[in-house]
Amino acid sequence: MAKALIGYLNSDLRATAELSSENRRLRQRVVELETLVLRLKEENDSLAGASAAALLDSAESAELQPV
Protein backbone atom coordinates (compact mmCIF):
# COMPACT_ATOMS: atom_id res chain seq x y z
CA MET A 1 0.00 0.00 0.00
CA ALA A 2 2.82 2.41 0.84
CA LYS A 3 4.39 1.90 -2.59
CA ALA A 4 1.08 2.71 -4.23
CA LEU A 5 0.78 5.95 -2.25
CA ILE A 6 4.35 6.96 -2.95
CA GLY A 7 3.90 6.20 -6.63
CA TYR A 8 0.75 8.31 -6.61
CA LEU A 9 2.55 11.38 -5.31
CA ASN A 10 4.13 13.48 -7.99
CA SER A 11 7.81 13.81 -7.16
CA ASP A 12 8.89 15.15 -10.54
CA LEU A 13 10.94 18.27 -9.80
CA ARG A 14 10.43 19.60 -13.33
CA ALA A 15 6.68 19.84 -12.78
CA THR A 16 7.27 21.72 -9.54
CA ALA A 17 9.65 24.12 -11.27
CA GLU A 18 7.18 24.65 -14.13
CA LEU A 19 4.34 25.34 -11.70
CA SER A 20 6.52 27.70 -9.73
CA SER A 21 7.54 29.53 -12.89
CA GLU A 22 3.95 29.81 -14.10
CA ASN A 23 2.81 30.96 -10.66
CA ARG A 24 5.48 33.69 -10.69
CA ARG A 25 4.44 34.75 -14.21
CA LEU A 26 0.76 34.90 -13.25
CA ARG A 27 1.50 36.90 -10.13
CA GLN A 28 3.46 39.41 -12.22
CA ARG A 29 0.58 39.64 -14.68
CA VAL A 30 -1.84 40.32 -11.81
CA VAL A 31 0.41 43.16 -10.62
CA GLU A 32 0.50 44.58 -14.17
CA LEU A 33 -3.29 44.42 -14.46
CA GLU A 34 -3.81 46.01 -11.04
CA THR A 35 -1.48 48.85 -12.05
CA LEU A 36 -3.42 49.28 -15.29
CA VAL A 37 -6.73 49.39 -13.42
CA LEU A 38 -5.42 52.09 -11.08
CA ARG A 39 -4.09 54.15 -13.98
CA LEU A 40 -7.38 53.88 -15.85
CA LYS A 41 -9.36 54.85 -12.74
CA GLU A 42 -7.19 57.94 -12.29
CA GLU A 43 -7.57 58.82 -15.96
CA ASN A 44 -11.33 58.31 -15.75
CA ASP A 45 -11.58 60.53 -12.66
CA SER A 46 -9.56 63.21 -14.42
CA LEU A 47 -11.75 63.08 -17.51
CA ALA A 48 -14.93 63.11 -15.42
CA GLY A 49 -13.67 66.18 -13.56
CA ALA A 50 -12.81 67.94 -16.80
CA SER A 51 -16.21 67.06 -18.23
CA ALA A 52 -17.99 68.37 -15.14
CA ALA A 53 -15.98 71.59 -15.30
CA ALA A 54 -16.82 72.01 -18.99
CA LEU A 55 -20.52 71.49 -18.24
CA LEU A 56 -20.40 74.08 -15.46
CA ASP A 57 -18.62 76.55 -17.73
CA SER A 58 -21.16 76.06 -20.51
CA ALA A 59 -24.07 76.38 -18.05
CA GLU A 60 -22.63 79.59 -16.63
CA SER A 61 -22.03 81.07 -20.07
CA ALA A 62 -25.58 80.12 -21.11
CA GLU A 63 -26.94 81.99 -18.08
CA LEU A 64 -24.98 85.09 -19.09
CA GLN A 65 -26.35 85.11 -22.63
CA PRO A 66 -29.14 87.66 -23.23
CA VAL A 67 -32.48 86.17 -24.05
PDB file of N, CA and C in Angstrom:
ATOM      1  N   MET A   1       0.830  -1.189   0.000  1.00  0.00           N
ATOM      2  CA  MET A   1       0.000   0.000   0.000  1.00  0.00           C
ATOM      3  C   MET A   1       0.874   1.253   0.000  1.00  0.00           C
ATOM      4  N   ALA A   2       1.954   1.238   0.764  1.00  0.00           N
ATOM      5  CA  ALA A   2       2.817   2.409   0.840  1.00  0.00           C
ATOM      6  C   ALA A   2       3.436   2.722  -0.522  1.00  0.00           C
ATOM      7  N   LYS A   3       3.821   1.670  -1.256  1.00  0.00           N
ATOM      8  CA  LYS A   3       4.391   1.901  -2.589  1.00  0.00           C
ATOM      9  C   LYS A   3       3.362   2.536  -3.512  1.00  0.00           C
ATOM     10  N   ALA A   4       2.133   2.134  -3.392  1.00  0.00           N
ATOM     11  CA  ALA A   4       1.076   2.706  -4.230  1.00  0.00           C
ATOM     12  C   ALA A   4       0.898   4.185  -3.913  1.00  0.00           C
ATOM     13  N   LEU A   5       0.930   4.554  -2.640  1.00  0.00           N
ATOM     14  CA  LEU A   5       0.780   5.951  -2.247  1.00  0.00           C
ATOM     15  C   LEU A   5       1.975   6.782  -2.692  1.00  0.00           C
ATOM     16  N   ILE A   6       3.158   6.228  -2.540  1.00  0.00           N
ATOM     17  CA  ILE A   6       4.354   6.961  -2.952  1.00  0.00           C
ATOM     18  C   ILE A   6       4.363   7.125  -4.468  1.00  0.00           C
ATOM     19  N   GLY A   7       3.957   6.108  -5.189  1.00  0.00           N
ATOM     20  CA  GLY A   7       3.895   6.204  -6.629  1.00  0.00           C
ATOM     21  C   GLY A   7       2.839   7.199  -7.085  1.00  0.00           C
ATOM     22  N   TYR A   8       1.827   7.381  -6.273  1.00  0.00           N
ATOM     23  CA  TYR A   8       0.752   8.306  -6.608  1.00  0.00           C
ATOM     24  C   TYR A   8       1.202   9.758  -6.485  1.00  0.00           C
ATOM     25  N   LEU A   9       2.070  10.020  -5.519  1.00  0.00           N
ATOM     26  CA  LEU A   9       2.554  11.381  -5.306  1.00  0.00           C
ATOM     27  C   LEU A   9       3.468  11.782  -6.453  1.00  0.00           C
ATOM     28  N   ASN A  10       3.307  12.992  -6.896  1.00  0.00           N
ATOM     29  CA  ASN A  10       4.132  13.483  -7.989  1.00  0.00           C
ATOM     30  C   ASN A  10       5.427  14.034  -7.413  1.00  0.00           C
ATOM     31  N   SER A  11       6.511  13.360  -7.679  1.00  0.00           N
ATOM     32  CA  SER A  11       7.805  13.813  -7.162  1.00  0.00           C
ATOM     33  C   SER A  11       8.696  14.341  -8.274  1.00  0.00           C
ATOM     34  N   ASP A  12       8.118  14.640  -9.416  1.00  0.00           N
ATOM     35  CA  ASP A  12       8.886  15.153 -10.543  1.00  0.00           C
ATOM     36  C   ASP A  12       9.231  16.620 -10.267  1.00  0.00           C
ATOM     37  N   LEU A  13      10.500  16.918 -10.114  1.00  0.00           N
ATOM     38  CA  LEU A  13      10.940  18.274  -9.799  1.00  0.00           C
ATOM     39  C   LEU A  13      10.705  19.233 -10.961  1.00  0.00           C
ATOM     40  N   ARG A  14      10.678  18.732 -12.182  1.00  0.00           N
ATOM     41  CA  ARG A  14      10.426  19.597 -13.329  1.00  0.00           C
ATOM     42  C   ARG A  14       9.017  20.177 -13.265  1.00  0.00           C
ATOM     43  N   ALA A  15       8.053  19.353 -12.879  1.00  0.00           N
ATOM     44  CA  ALA A  15       6.675  19.839 -12.776  1.00  0.00           C
ATOM     45  C   ALA A  15       6.581  20.916 -11.710  1.00  0.00           C
ATOM     46  N   THR A  16       7.267  20.732 -10.607  1.00  0.00           N
ATOM     47  CA  THR A  16       7.268  21.719  -9.537  1.00  0.00           C
ATOM     48  C   THR A  16       7.892  23.021 -10.022  1.00  0.00           C
ATOM     49  N   ALA A  17       8.988  22.923 -10.745  1.00  0.00           N
ATOM     50  CA  ALA A  17       9.646  24.116 -11.273  1.00  0.00           C
ATOM     51  C   ALA A  17       8.756  24.815 -12.291  1.00  0.00           C
ATOM     52  N   GLU A  18       8.077  24.056 -13.135  1.00  0.00           N
ATOM     53  CA  GLU A  18       7.185  24.647 -14.129  1.00  0.00           C
ATOM     54  C   GLU A  18       6.021  25.356 -13.450  1.00  0.00           C
ATOM     55  N   LEU A  19       5.446  24.717 -12.435  1.00  0.00           N
ATOM     56  CA  LEU A  19       4.340  25.342 -11.701  1.00  0.00           C
ATOM     57  C   LEU A  19       4.804  26.604 -10.986  1.00  0.00           C
ATOM     58  N   SER A  20       5.975  26.539 -10.415  1.00  0.00           N
ATOM     59  CA  SER A  20       6.524  27.705  -9.733  1.00  0.00           C
ATOM     60  C   SER A  20       6.755  28.848 -10.714  1.00  0.00           C
ATOM     61  N   SER A  21       7.289  28.522 -11.869  1.00  0.00           N
ATOM     62  CA  SER A  21       7.540  29.532 -12.895  1.00  0.00           C
ATOM     63  C   SER A  21       6.229  30.138 -13.388  1.00  0.00           C
ATOM     64  N   GLU A  22       5.234  29.302 -13.643  1.00  0.00           N
ATOM     65  CA  GLU A  22       3.947  29.808 -14.103  1.00  0.00           C
ATOM     66  C   GLU A  22       3.264  30.645 -13.019  1.00  0.00           C
ATOM     67  N   ASN A  23       3.384  30.206 -11.782  1.00  0.00           N
ATOM     68  CA  ASN A  23       2.811  30.962 -10.663  1.00  0.00           C
ATOM     69  C   ASN A  23       3.447  32.348 -10.573  1.00  0.00           C
ATOM     70  N   ARG A  24       4.753  32.419 -10.720  1.00  0.00           N
ATOM     71  CA  ARG A  24       5.476  33.689 -10.692  1.00  0.00           C
ATOM     72  C   ARG A  24       5.031  34.589 -11.849  1.00  0.00           C
ATOM     73  N   ARG A  25       4.879  33.998 -13.040  1.00  0.00           N
ATOM     74  CA  ARG A  25       4.442  34.748 -14.210  1.00  0.00           C
ATOM     75  C   ARG A  25       3.020  35.283 -14.015  1.00  0.00           C
ATOM     76  N   LEU A  26       2.143  34.464 -13.483  1.00  0.00           N
ATOM     77  CA  LEU A  26       0.765  34.896 -13.255  1.00  0.00           C
ATOM     78  C   LEU A  26       0.677  35.983 -12.192  1.00  0.00           C
ATOM     79  N   ARG A  27       1.490  35.860 -11.159  1.00  0.00           N
ATOM     80  CA  ARG A  27       1.500  36.902 -10.128  1.00  0.00           C
ATOM     81  C   ARG A  27       1.970  38.237 -10.714  1.00  0.00           C
ATOM     82  N   GLN A  28       2.980  38.190 -11.578  1.00  0.00           N
ATOM     83  CA  GLN A  28       3.460  39.410 -12.218  1.00  0.00           C
ATOM     84  C   GLN A  28       2.386  40.008 -13.115  1.00  0.00           C
ATOM     85  N   ARG A  29       1.657  39.158 -13.814  1.00  0.00           N
ATOM     86  CA  ARG A  29       0.576  39.639 -14.684  1.00  0.00           C
ATOM     87  C   ARG A  29      -0.528  40.291 -13.858  1.00  0.00           C
ATOM     88  N   VAL A  30      -0.829  39.727 -12.699  1.00  0.00           N
ATOM     89  CA  VAL A  30      -1.837  40.321 -11.811  1.00  0.00           C
ATOM     90  C   VAL A  30      -1.388  41.708 -11.370  1.00  0.00           C
ATOM     91  N   VAL A  31      -0.119  41.849 -11.024  1.00  0.00           N
ATOM     92  CA  VAL A  31       0.406  43.157 -10.624  1.00  0.00           C
ATOM     93  C   VAL A  31       0.287  44.149 -11.784  1.00  0.00           C
ATOM     94  N   GLU A  32       0.617  43.710 -13.000  1.00  0.00           N
ATOM     95  CA  GLU A  32       0.503  44.582 -14.170  1.00  0.00           C
ATOM     96  C   GLU A  32      -0.948  45.019 -14.383  1.00  0.00           C
ATOM     97  N   LEU A  33      -1.878  44.084 -14.254  1.00  0.00           N
ATOM     98  CA  LEU A  33      -3.286  44.417 -14.460  1.00  0.00           C
ATOM     99  C   LEU A  33      -3.818  45.333 -13.363  1.00  0.00           C
ATOM    100  N   GLU A  34      -3.389  45.120 -12.126  1.00  0.00           N
ATOM    101  CA  GLU A  34      -3.812  46.007 -11.039  1.00  0.00           C
ATOM    102  C   GLU A  34      -3.296  47.426 -11.276  1.00  0.00           C
ATOM    103  N   THR A  35      -2.061  47.542 -11.741  1.00  0.00           N
ATOM    104  CA  THR A  35      -1.485  48.851 -12.049  1.00  0.00           C
ATOM    105  C   THR A  35      -2.273  49.522 -13.168  1.00  0.00           C
ATOM    106  N   LEU A  36      -2.633  48.750 -14.181  1.00  0.00           N
ATOM    107  CA  LEU A  36      -3.418  49.282 -15.288  1.00  0.00           C
ATOM    108  C   LEU A  36      -4.785  49.770 -14.809  1.00  0.00           C
ATOM    109  N   VAL A  37      -5.428  48.998 -13.950  1.00  0.00           N
ATOM    110  CA  VAL A  37      -6.733  49.393 -13.421  1.00  0.00           C
ATOM    111  C   VAL A  37      -6.620  50.705 -12.653  1.00  0.00           C
ATOM    112  N   LEU A  38      -5.604  50.847 -11.827  1.00  0.00           N
ATOM    113  CA  LEU A  38      -5.419  52.087 -11.076  1.00  0.00           C
ATOM    114  C   LEU A  38      -5.178  53.275 -12.004  1.00  0.00           C
ATOM    115  N   ARG A  39      -4.362  53.069 -13.032  1.00  0.00           N
ATOM    116  CA  ARG A  39      -4.090  54.154 -13.979  1.00  0.00           C
ATOM    117  C   ARG A  39      -5.358  54.561 -14.716  1.00  0.00           C
ATOM    118  N   LEU A  40      -6.142  53.574 -15.132  1.00  0.00           N
ATOM    119  CA  LEU A  40      -7.382  53.882 -15.853  1.00  0.00           C
ATOM    120  C   LEU A  40      -8.405  54.566 -14.950  1.00  0.00           C
ATOM    121  N   LYS A  41      -8.455  54.180 -13.677  1.00  0.00           N
ATOM    122  CA  LYS A  41      -9.358  54.847 -12.742  1.00  0.00           C
ATOM    123  C   LYS A  41      -8.967  56.316 -12.568  1.00  0.00           C
ATOM    124  N   GLU A  42      -7.672  56.557 -12.427  1.00  0.00           N
ATOM    125  CA  GLU A  42      -7.191  57.935 -12.289  1.00  0.00           C
ATOM    126  C   GLU A  42      -7.500  58.741 -13.542  1.00  0.00           C
ATOM    127  N   GLU A  43      -7.278  58.137 -14.705  1.00  0.00           N
ATOM    128  CA  GLU A  43      -7.569  58.823 -15.956  1.00  0.00           C
ATOM    129  C   GLU A  43      -9.070  59.097 -16.086  1.00  0.00           C
ATOM    130  N   ASN A  44      -9.888  58.139 -15.689  1.00  0.00           N
ATOM    131  CA  ASN A  44     -11.333  58.314 -15.748  1.00  0.00           C
ATOM    132  C   ASN A  44     -11.782  59.429 -14.812  1.00  0.00           C
ATOM    133  N   ASP A  45     -11.233  59.464 -13.610  1.00  0.00           N
ATOM    134  CA  ASP A  45     -11.580  60.527 -12.662  1.00  0.00           C
ATOM    135  C   ASP A  45     -11.187  61.894 -13.213  1.00  0.00           C
ATOM    136  N   SER A  46     -10.022  61.955 -13.834  1.00  0.00           N
ATOM    137  CA  SER A  46      -9.555  63.210 -14.418  1.00  0.00           C
ATOM    138  C   SER A  46     -10.483  63.661 -15.545  1.00  0.00           C
ATOM    139  N   LEU A  47     -10.854  62.734 -16.407  1.00  0.00           N
ATOM    140  CA  LEU A  47     -11.751  63.077 -17.512  1.00  0.00           C
ATOM    141  C   LEU A  47     -13.146  63.458 -17.014  1.00  0.00           C
ATOM    142  N   ALA A  48     -13.621  62.777 -15.986  1.00  0.00           N
ATOM    143  CA  ALA A  48     -14.930  63.109 -15.419  1.00  0.00           C
ATOM    144  C   ALA A  48     -14.901  64.505 -14.813  1.00  0.00           C
ATOM    145  N   GLY A  49     -13.814  64.840 -14.130  1.00  0.00           N
ATOM    146  CA  GLY A  49     -13.672  66.180 -13.561  1.00  0.00           C
ATOM    147  C   GLY A  49     -13.627  67.252 -14.634  1.00  0.00           C
ATOM    148  N   ALA A  50     -12.896  66.977 -15.706  1.00  0.00           N
ATOM    149  CA  ALA A  50     -12.811  67.936 -16.803  1.00  0.00           C
ATOM    150  C   ALA A  50     -14.168  68.094 -17.481  1.00  0.00           C
ATOM    151  N   SER A  51     -14.883  67.002 -17.615  1.00  0.00           N
ATOM    152  CA  SER A  51     -16.210  67.062 -18.227  1.00  0.00           C
ATOM    153  C   SER A  51     -17.177  67.853 -17.357  1.00  0.00           C
ATOM    154  N   ALA A  52     -17.118  67.633 -16.058  1.00  0.00           N
ATOM    155  CA  ALA A  52     -17.990  68.373 -15.141  1.00  0.00           C
ATOM    156  C   ALA A  52     -17.662  69.863 -15.180  1.00  0.00           C
ATOM    157  N   ALA A  53     -16.382  70.183 -15.227  1.00  0.00           N
ATOM    158  CA  ALA A  53     -15.975  71.594 -15.298  1.00  0.00           C
ATOM    159  C   ALA A  53     -16.453  72.226 -16.602  1.00  0.00           C
ATOM    160  N   ALA A  54     -16.361  71.491 -17.696  1.00  0.00           N
ATOM    161  CA  ALA A  54     -16.816  72.013 -18.988  1.00  0.00           C
ATOM    162  C   ALA A  54     -18.327  72.228 -18.964  1.00  0.00           C
ATOM    163  N   LEU A  55     -19.071  71.318 -18.343  1.00  0.00           N
ATOM    164  CA  LEU A  55     -20.523  71.487 -18.245  1.00  0.00           C
ATOM    165  C   LEU A  55     -20.879  72.704 -17.402  1.00  0.00           C
ATOM    166  N   LEU A  56     -20.152  72.903 -16.300  1.00  0.00           N
ATOM    167  CA  LEU A  56     -20.399  74.078 -15.464  1.00  0.00           C
ATOM    168  C   LEU A  56     -20.097  75.363 -16.219  1.00  0.00           C
ATOM    169  N   ASP A  57     -18.988  75.363 -16.955  1.00  0.00           N
ATOM    170  CA  ASP A  57     -18.625  76.550 -17.731  1.00  0.00           C
ATOM    171  C   ASP A  57     -19.681  76.857 -18.792  1.00  0.00           C
ATOM    172  N   SER A  58     -20.162  75.827 -19.470  1.00  0.00           N
ATOM    173  CA  SER A  58     -21.160  76.056 -20.515  1.00  0.00           C
ATOM    174  C   SER A  58     -22.491  76.488 -19.906  1.00  0.00           C
ATOM    175  N   ALA A  59     -22.829  75.975 -18.721  1.00  0.00           N
ATOM    176  CA  ALA A  59     -24.068  76.380 -18.054  1.00  0.00           C
ATOM    177  C   ALA A  59     -23.965  77.823 -17.589  1.00  0.00           C
ATOM    178  N   GLU A  60     -22.818  78.206 -17.076  1.00  0.00           N
ATOM    179  CA  GLU A  60     -22.625  79.588 -16.631  1.00  0.00           C
ATOM    180  C   GLU A  60     -22.643  80.553 -17.808  1.00  0.00           C
ATOM    181  N   SER A  61     -22.035  80.183 -18.920  1.00  0.00           N
ATOM    182  CA  SER A  61     -22.025  81.070 -20.074  1.00  0.00           C
ATOM    183  C   SER A  61     -23.424  81.155 -20.685  1.00  0.00           C
ATOM    184  N   ALA A  62     -24.216  80.095 -20.592  1.00  0.00           N
ATOM    185  CA  ALA A  62     -25.582  80.120 -21.106  1.00  0.00           C
ATOM    186  C   ALA A  62     -26.448  81.049 -20.255  1.00  0.00           C
ATOM    187  N   GLU A  63     -26.176  81.096 -18.971  1.00  0.00           N
ATOM    188  CA  GLU A  63     -26.940  81.992 -18.084  1.00  0.00           C
ATOM    189  C   GLU A  63     -26.607  83.450 -18.369  1.00  0.00           C
ATOM    190  N   LEU A  64     -25.399  83.712 -18.816  1.00  0.00           N
ATOM    191  CA  LEU A  64     -24.976  85.086 -19.086  1.00  0.00           C
ATOM    192  C   LEU A  64     -25.456  85.600 -20.431  1.00  0.00           C
ATOM    193  N   GLN A  65     -25.903  84.719 -21.304  1.00  0.00           N
ATOM    194  CA  GLN A  65     -26.351  85.112 -22.625  1.00  0.00           C
ATOM    195  C   GLN A  65     -27.687  85.857 -22.519  1.00  0.00           C
ATOM    196  N   PRO A  66     -27.844  86.965 -23.253  1.00  0.00           N
ATOM    197  CA  PRO A  66     -29.139  87.663 -23.225  1.00  0.00           C
ATOM    198  C   PRO A  66     -30.195  86.837 -23.967  1.00  0.00           C
ATOM    199  N   VAL A  67     -31.403  86.941 -23.471  1.00  0.00           N
ATOM    200  CA  VAL A  67     -32.483  86.173 -24.052  1.00  0.00           C
ATOM    201  C   VAL A  67     -33.219  86.959 -25.089  1.00  0.00           C
TER     202      VAL A  67
END
